[in-house]
Amino acid sequence: MEPDFWKDCPVVEAVPGRLGGRPVVKDSRVAADTILEAEELGETAEETAYNYGLNLQDVIDIRSYAHHRNAALAS
């Protein structure tokens, strides 16, 4: 996804030098897109949080943000 896609998501940040400036989960090196890819592969939010060492609520918030943003863009 484009970096601008994540600009209003409160749990995602883009830090120069961290993963080449790609949007990541705050305070991590996990790309935000990775959360969505894991969901597409059938992982639960709990599994994703565990597998990547993330806060469960951050995973839920990222998924929710992406679903709402995609719906808004499709309208």
PDB file of N, CA and C in Angstrom:
ATOM      1  N   MET A   1       0.834  -1.175   0.000  1.00  0.00           N
ATOM      2  CA  MET A   1       0.000   0.000   0.000  1.00  0.00           C
ATOM      3  C   MET A   1       0.882   1.243   0.000  1.00  0.00           C
ATOM      4  N   GLU A   2       0.324   2.300  -0.491  1.00  0.00           N
ATOM      5  CA  GLU A   2       1.049   3.560  -0.513  1.00  0.00           C
ATOM      6  C   GLU A   2       1.275   4.061   0.912  1.00  0.00           C
ATOM      7  N   PRO A   3       2.409   4.693   1.176  1.00  0.00           N
ATOM      8  CA  PRO A   3       2.659   5.233   2.516  1.00  0.00           C
ATOM      9  C   PRO A   3       1.576   6.197   2.989  1.00  0.00           C
ATOM     10  N   ASP A   4       0.984   6.964   2.065  1.00  0.00           N
ATOM     11  CA  ASP A   4      -0.069   7.907   2.453  1.00  0.00           C
ATOM     12  C   ASP A   4      -1.302   7.191   2.988  1.00  0.00           C
ATOM     13  N   PHE A   5      -1.485   5.948   2.617  1.00  0.00           N
ATOM     14  CA  PHE A   5      -2.621   5.175   3.105  1.00  0.00           C
ATOM     15  C   PHE A   5      -2.645   5.167   4.625  1.00  0.00           C
ATOM     16  N   TRP A   6      -1.472   5.099   5.235  1.00  0.00           N
ATOM     17  CA  TRP A   6      -1.357   4.951   6.687  1.00  0.00           C
ATOM     18  C   TRP A   6      -1.226   6.263   7.438  1.00  0.00           C
ATOM     19  N   LYS A   7      -1.218   7.395   6.757  1.00  0.00           N
ATOM     20  CA  LYS A   7      -0.865   8.674   7.397  1.00  0.00           C
ATOM     21  C   LYS A   7      -1.732   9.049   8.597  1.00  0.00           C
ATOM     22  N   ASP A   8      -2.979   8.609   8.655  1.00  0.00           N
ATOM     23  CA  ASP A   8      -3.862   8.967   9.764  1.00  0.00           C
ATOM     24  C   ASP A   8      -4.062   7.840  10.771  1.00  0.00           C
ATOM     25  N   CYS A   9      -3.321   6.767  10.617  1.00  0.00           N
ATOM     26  CA  CYS A   9      -3.440   5.644  11.551  1.00  0.00           C
ATOM     27  C   CYS A   9      -2.553   5.926  12.771  1.00  0.00           C
ATOM     28  N   PRO A  10      -3.147   6.023  13.947  1.00  0.00           N
ATOM     29  CA  PRO A  10      -2.378   6.415  15.131  1.00  0.00           C
ATOM     30  C   PRO A  10      -1.339   5.397  15.614  1.00  0.00           C
ATOM     31  N   VAL A  11      -1.415   4.161  15.159  1.00  0.00           N
ATOM     32  CA  VAL A  11      -0.448   3.157  15.622  1.00  0.00           C
ATOM     33  C   VAL A  11       0.581   2.799  14.562  1.00  0.00           C
ATOM     34  N   VAL A  12       0.643   3.606  13.495  1.00  0.00           N
ATOM     35  CA  VAL A  12       1.614   3.384  12.425  1.00  0.00           C
ATOM     36  C   VAL A  12       2.465   4.629  12.269  1.00  0.00           C
ATOM     37  N   GLU A  13       3.765   4.420  12.041  1.00  0.00           N
ATOM     38  CA  GLU A  13       4.678   5.533  11.819  1.00  0.00           C
ATOM     39  C   GLU A  13       5.649   5.176  10.701  1.00  0.00           C
ATOM     40  N   ALA A  14       6.165   6.198  10.054  1.00  0.00           N
ATOM     41  CA  ALA A  14       7.209   6.017   9.043  1.00  0.00           C
ATOM     42  C   ALA A  14       8.432   6.770   9.536  1.00  0.00           C
ATOM     43  N   VAL A  15       9.494   6.034   9.806  1.00  0.00           N
ATOM     44  CA  VAL A  15      10.715   6.623  10.361  1.00  0.00           C
ATOM     45  C   VAL A  15      11.836   6.435   9.350  1.00  0.00           C
ATOM     46  N   PRO A  16      12.433   7.541   8.879  1.00  0.00           N
ATOM     47  CA  PRO A  16      13.557   7.397   7.952  1.00  0.00           C
ATOM     48  C   PRO A  16      14.632   6.487   8.563  1.00  0.00           C
ATOM     49  N   GLY A  17      15.101   5.544   7.774  1.00  0.00           N
ATOM     50  CA  GLY A  17      16.136   4.630   8.246  1.00  0.00           C
ATOM     51  C   GLY A  17      15.589   3.348   8.861  1.00  0.00           C
ATOM     52  N   ARG A  18      14.310   3.318   9.169  1.00  0.00           N
ATOM     53  CA  ARG A  18      13.708   2.091   9.703  1.00  0.00           C
ATOM     54  C   ARG A  18      12.906   1.447   8.578  1.00  0.00           C
ATOM     55  N   LEU A  19      13.353   0.303   8.128  1.00  0.00           N
ATOM     56  CA  LEU A  19      12.749  -0.407   6.990  1.00  0.00           C
ATOM     57  C   LEU A  19      12.626   0.505   5.772  1.00  0.00           C
ATOM     58  N   GLY A  20      13.636   1.316   5.571  1.00  0.00           N
ATOM     59  CA  GLY A  20      13.658   2.194   4.399  1.00  0.00           C
ATOM     60  C   GLY A  20      12.561   3.253   4.410  1.00  0.00           C
ATOM     61  N   GLY A  21      12.068   3.592   5.596  1.00  0.00           N
ATOM     62  CA  GLY A  21      11.026   4.608   5.698  1.00  0.00           C
ATOM     63  C   GLY A  21       9.623   4.076   5.462  1.00  0.00           C
ATOM     64  N   ARG A  22       9.495   2.747   5.308  1.00  0.00           N
ATOM     65  CA  ARG A  22       8.160   2.150   5.121  1.00  0.00           C
ATOM     66  C   ARG A  22       7.329   2.326   6.390  1.00  0.00           C
ATOM     67  N   PRO A  23       6.013   2.427   6.253  1.00  0.00           N
ATOM     68  CA  PRO A  23       5.146   2.507   7.432  1.00  0.00           C
ATOM     69  C   PRO A  23       5.250   1.232   8.266  1.00  0.00           C
ATOM     70  N   VAL A  24       5.486   1.409   9.557  1.00  0.00           N
ATOM     71  CA  VAL A  24       5.635   0.288  10.482  1.00  0.00           C
ATOM     72  C   VAL A  24       4.735   0.494  11.688  1.00  0.00           C
ATOM     73  N   VAL A  25       4.495  -0.583  12.420  1.00  0.00           N
ATOM     74  CA  VAL A  25       3.799  -0.483  13.688  1.00  0.00           C
ATOM     75  C   VAL A  25       4.702   0.331  14.609  1.00  0.00           C
ATOM     76  N   LYS A  26       4.122   1.315  15.296  1.00  0.00           N
ATOM     77  CA  LYS A  26       4.931   2.185  16.160  1.00  0.00           C
ATOM     78  C   LYS A  26       5.820   1.376  17.090  1.00  0.00           C
ATOM     79  N   ASP A  27       7.020   1.886  17.252  1.00  0.00           N
ATOM     80  CA  ASP A  27       8.022   1.294  18.139  1.00  0.00           C
ATOM     81  C   ASP A  27       8.388  -0.139  17.768  1.00  0.00           C
ATOM     82  N   SER A  28       8.299  -0.462  16.474  1.00  0.00           N
ATOM     83  CA  SER A  28       8.678  -1.805  16.027  1.00  0.00           C
ATOM     84  C   SER A  28       9.355  -1.711  14.663  1.00  0.00           C
ATOM     85  N   ARG A  29       9.741  -2.856  14.156  1.00  0.00           N
ATOM     86  CA  ARG A  29      10.279  -2.949  12.803  1.00  0.00           C
ATOM     87  C   ARG A  29       9.365  -3.828  11.942  1.00  0.00           C
ATOM     88  N   VAL A  30       8.093  -3.901  12.326  1.00  0.00           N
ATOM     89  CA  VAL A  30       7.117  -4.702  11.594  1.00  0.00           C
ATOM     90  C   VAL A  30       6.333  -3.781  10.664  1.00  0.00           C
ATOM     91  N   ALA A  31       6.409  -4.058   9.366  1.00  0.00           N
ATOM     92  CA  ALA A  31       5.696  -3.243   8.389  1.00  0.00           C
ATOM     93  C   ALA A  31       4.189  -3.381   8.596  1.00  0.00           C
ATOM     94  N   ALA A  32       3.495  -2.262   8.472  1.00  0.00           N
ATOM     95  CA  ALA A  32       2.040  -2.264   8.639  1.00  0.00           C
ATOM     96  C   ALA A  32       1.383  -3.220   7.640  1.00  0.00           C
ATOM     97  N   ASP A  33       1.907  -3.260   6.431  1.00  0.00           N
ATOM     98  CA  ASP A  33       1.349  -4.155   5.415  1.00  0.00           C
ATOM     99  C   ASP A  33       1.461  -5.629   5.824  1.00  0.00           C
ATOM    100  N   THR A  34       2.452  -5.952   6.628  1.00  0.00           N
ATOM    101  CA  THR A  34       2.637  -7.326   7.093  1.00  0.00           C
ATOM    102  C   THR A  34       1.440  -7.781   7.922  1.00  0.00           C
ATOM    103  N   ILE A  35       0.861  -6.866   8.680  1.00  0.00           N
ATOM    104  CA  ILE A  35      -0.310  -7.187   9.500  1.00  0.00           C
ATOM    105  C   ILE A  35      -1.477  -7.607   8.599  1.00  0.00           C
ATOM    106  N   LEU A  36      -1.653  -6.879   7.505  1.00  0.00           N
ATOM    107  CA  LEU A  36      -2.748  -7.197   6.583  1.00  0.00           C
ATOM    108  C   LEU A  36      -2.472  -8.477   5.812  1.00  0.00           C
ATOM    109  N   GLU A  37      -1.216  -8.703   5.454  1.00  0.00           N
ATOM    110  CA  GLU A  37      -0.859  -9.937   4.754  1.00  0.00           C
ATOM    111  C   GLU A  37      -1.117 -11.151   5.646  1.00  0.00           C
ATOM    112  N   ALA A  38      -0.799 -11.022   6.927  1.00  0.00           N
ATOM    113  CA  ALA A  38      -1.040 -12.126   7.859  1.00  0.00           C
ATOM    114  C   ALA A  38      -2.534 -12.416   7.960  1.00  0.00           C
ATOM    115  N   GLU A  39      -3.340 -11.358   7.962  1.00  0.00           N
ATOM    116  CA  GLU A  39      -4.786 -11.551   8.011  1.00  0.00           C
ATOM    117  C   GLU A  39      -5.280 -12.270   6.752  1.00  0.00           C
ATOM    118  N   GLU A  40      -4.752 -11.874   5.599  1.00  0.00           N
ATOM    119  CA  GLU A  40      -5.134 -12.518   4.341  1.00  0.00           C
ATOM    120  C   GLU A  40      -4.771 -14.000   4.336  1.00  0.00           C
ATOM    121  N   LEU A  41      -3.725 -14.352   5.060  1.00  0.00           N
ATOM    122  CA  LEU A  41      -3.304 -15.757   5.145  1.00  0.00           C
ATOM    123  C   LEU A  41      -4.091 -16.537   6.187  1.00  0.00           C
ATOM    124  N   GLY A  42      -5.025 -15.852   6.853  1.00  0.00           N
ATOM    125  CA  GLY A  42      -5.894 -16.531   7.799  1.00  0.00           C
ATOM    126  C   GLY A  42      -5.478 -16.457   9.248  1.00  0.00           C
ATOM    127  N   GLU A  43      -4.435 -15.694   9.563  1.00  0.00           N
ATOM    128  CA  GLU A  43      -4.024 -15.572  10.961  1.00  0.00           C
ATOM    129  C   GLU A  43      -5.034 -14.738  11.730  1.00  0.00           C
ATOM    130  N   THR A  44      -5.289 -15.133  12.964  1.00  0.00           N
ATOM    131  CA  THR A  44      -6.120 -14.309  13.835  1.00  0.00           C
ATOM    132  C   THR A  44      -5.272 -13.132  14.323  1.00  0.00           C
ATOM    133  N   ALA A  45      -5.930 -12.127  14.867  1.00  0.00           N
ATOM    134  CA  ALA A  45      -5.210 -10.983  15.422  1.00  0.00           C
ATOM    135  C   ALA A  45      -4.283 -11.444  16.550  1.00  0.00           C
ATOM    136  N   GLU A  46      -4.759 -12.389  17.344  1.00  0.00           N
ATOM    137  CA  GLU A  46      -3.963 -12.912  18.452  1.00  0.00           C
ATOM    138  C   GLU A  46      -2.697 -13.599  17.951  1.00  0.00           C
ATOM    139  N   GLU A  47      -2.845 -14.402  16.893  1.00  0.00           N
ATOM    140  CA  GLU A  47      -1.688 -15.089  16.323  1.00  0.00           C
ATOM    141  C   GLU A  47      -0.678 -14.089  15.764  1.00  0.00           C
ATOM    142  N   THR A  48      -1.178 -13.073  15.068  1.00  0.00           N
ATOM    143  CA  THR A  48      -0.282 -12.065  14.490  1.00  0.00           C
ATOM    144  C   THR A  48       0.460 -11.321  15.589  1.00  0.00           C
ATOM    145  N   ALA A  49      -0.260 -10.921  16.619  1.00  0.00           N
ATOM    146  CA  ALA A  49       0.381 -10.215  17.731  1.00  0.00           C
ATOM    147  C   ALA A  49       1.478 -11.083  18.350  1.00  0.00           C
ATOM    148  N   TYR A  50       1.182 -12.338  18.574  1.00  0.00           N
ATOM    149  CA  TYR A  50       2.151 -13.252  19.168  1.00  0.00           C
ATOM    150  C   TYR A  50       3.341 -13.476  18.242  1.00  0.00           C
ATOM    151  N   ASN A  51       3.063 -13.757  16.970  1.00  0.00           N
ATOM    152  CA  ASN A  51       4.125 -14.085  16.016  1.00  0.00           C
ATOM    153  C   ASN A  51       5.101 -12.941  15.794  1.00  0.00           C
ATOM    154  N   TYR A  52       4.625 -11.709  15.898  1.00  0.00           N
ATOM    155  CA  TYR A  52       5.484 -10.550  15.636  1.00  0.00           C
ATOM    156  C   TYR A  52       5.839  -9.773  16.904  1.00  0.00           C
ATOM    157  N   GLY A  53       5.435 -10.278  18.054  1.00  0.00           N
ATOM    158  CA  GLY A  53       5.763  -9.614  19.306  1.00  0.00           C
ATOM    159  C   GLY A  53       5.114  -8.244  19.444  1.00  0.00           C
ATOM    160  N   LEU A  54       3.870  -8.147  18.991  1.00  0.00           N
ATOM    161  CA  LEU A  54       3.158  -6.869  19.007  1.00  0.00           C
ATOM    162  C   LEU A  54       2.047  -6.873  20.045  1.00  0.00           C
ATOM    163  N   ASN A  55       1.586  -5.682  20.362  1.00  0.00           N
ATOM    164  CA  ASN A  55       0.432  -5.504  21.229  1.00  0.00           C
ATOM    165  C   ASN A  55      -0.810  -5.906  20.444  1.00  0.00           C
ATOM    166  N   LEU A  56      -1.668  -6.732  21.033  1.00  0.00           N
ATOM    167  CA  LEU A  56      -2.873  -7.194  20.352  1.00  0.00           C
ATOM    168  C   LEU A  56      -3.743  -6.031  19.899  1.00  0.00           C
ATOM    169  N   GLN A  57      -3.905  -5.027  20.736  1.00  0.00           N
ATOM    170  CA  GLN A  57      -4.766  -3.900  20.372  1.00  0.00           C
ATOM    171  C   GLN A  57      -4.215  -3.150  19.161  1.00  0.00           C
ATOM    172  N   ASP A  58      -2.896  -3.070  19.027  1.00  0.00           N
ATOM    173  CA  ASP A  58      -2.308  -2.426  17.849  1.00  0.00           C
ATOM    174  C   ASP A  58      -2.667  -3.191  16.577  1.00  0.00           C
ATOM    175  N   VAL A  59      -2.610  -4.500  16.637  1.00  0.00           N
ATOM    176  CA  VAL A  59      -2.964  -5.330  15.478  1.00  0.00           C
ATOM    177  C   VAL A  59      -4.432  -5.108  15.123  1.00  0.00           C
ATOM    178  N   ILE A  60      -5.293  -5.129  16.113  1.00  0.00           N
ATOM    179  CA  ILE A  60      -6.722  -4.902  15.881  1.00  0.00           C
ATOM    180  C   ILE A  60      -6.959  -3.525  15.294  1.00  0.00           C
ATOM    181  N   ASP A  61      -6.289  -2.509  15.837  1.00  0.00           N
ATOM    182  CA  ASP A  61      -6.458  -1.136  15.347  1.00  0.00           C
ATOM    183  C   ASP A  61      -5.997  -0.991  13.900  1.00  0.00           C
ATOM    184  N   ILE A  62      -4.895  -1.625  13.548  1.00  0.00           N
ATOM    185  CA  ILE A  62      -4.381  -1.540  12.176  1.00  0.00           C
ATOM    186  C   ILE A  62      -5.345  -2.217  11.210  1.00  0.00           C
ATOM    187  N   ARG A  63      -5.828  -3.379  11.576  1.00  0.00           N
ATOM    188  CA  ARG A  63      -6.797  -4.072  10.717  1.00  0.00           C
ATOM    189  C   ARG A  63      -8.062  -3.234  10.538  1.00  0.00           C
ATOM    190  N   SER A  64      -8.557  -2.700  11.624  1.00  0.00           N
ATOM    191  CA  SER A  64      -9.775  -1.891  11.570  1.00  0.00           C
ATOM    192  C   SER A  64      -9.570  -0.650  10.712  1.00  0.00           C
ATOM    193  N   TYR A  65      -8.457   0.028  10.928  1.00  0.00           N
ATOM    194  CA  TYR A  65      -8.147   1.220  10.140  1.00  0.00           C
ATOM    195  C   TYR A  65      -8.119   0.886   8.653  1.00  0.00           C
ATOM    196  N   ALA A  66      -7.438  -0.185   8.298  1.00  0.00           N
ATOM    197  CA  ALA A  66      -7.306  -0.563   6.888  1.00  0.00           C
ATOM    198  C   ALA A  66      -8.657  -0.890   6.268  1.00  0.00           C
ATOM    199  N   HIS A  67      -9.495  -1.603   6.995  1.00  0.00           N
ATOM    200  CA  HIS A  67     -10.809  -1.962   6.459  1.00  0.00           C
ATOM    201  C   HIS A  67     -11.669  -0.717   6.242  1.00  0.00           C
ATOM    202  N   HIS A  68     -11.657   0.195   7.209  1.00  0.00           N
ATOM    203  CA  HIS A  68     -12.428   1.428   7.070  1.00  0.00           C
ATOM    204  C   HIS A  68     -11.868   2.322   5.963  1.00  0.00           C
ATOM    205  N   ARG A  69     -10.564   2.411   5.876  1.00  0.00           N
ATOM    206  CA  ARG A  69      -9.927   3.250   4.855  1.00  0.00           C
ATOM    207  C   ARG A  69     -10.214   2.691   3.455  1.00  0.00           C
ATOM    208  N   ASN A  70     -10.119   1.386   3.308  1.00  0.00           N
ATOM    209  CA  ASN A  70     -10.415   0.775   1.998  1.00  0.00           C
ATOM    210  C   ASN A  70     -11.862   0.991   1.606  1.00  0.00           C
ATOM    211  N   ALA A  71     -12.771   0.890   2.576  1.00  0.00           N
ATOM    212  CA  ALA A  71     -14.183   1.117   2.302  1.00  0.00           C
ATOM    213  C   ALA A  71     -14.416   2.569   1.870  1.00  0.00           C
ATOM    214  N   ALA A  72     -13.755   3.501   2.535  1.00  0.00           N
ATOM    215  CA  ALA A  72     -13.906   4.913   2.197  1.00  0.00           C
ATOM    216  C   ALA A  72     -13.334   5.206   0.811  1.00  0.00           C
ATOM    217  N   LEU A  73     -12.236   4.586   0.467  1.00  0.00           N
ATOM    218  CA  LEU A  73     -11.623   4.799  -0.835  1.00  0.00           C
ATOM    219  C   LEU A  73     -12.482   4.200  -1.955  1.00  0.00           C
ATOM    220  N   ALA A  74     -13.201   3.115  -1.650  1.00  0.00           N
ATOM    221  CA  ALA A  74     -14.037   2.463  -2.654  1.00  0.00           C
ATOM    222  C   ALA A  74     -15.325   3.233  -2.924  1.00  0.00           C
ATOM    223  N   SER A  75     -15.710   4.086  -1.996  1.00  0.00           N
ATOM    224  CA  SER A  75     -16.961   4.846  -2.149  1.00  0.00           C
ATOM    225  C   SER A  75     -16.836   5.972  -3.133  1.00  0.00           C
TER     226      SER A  75
END
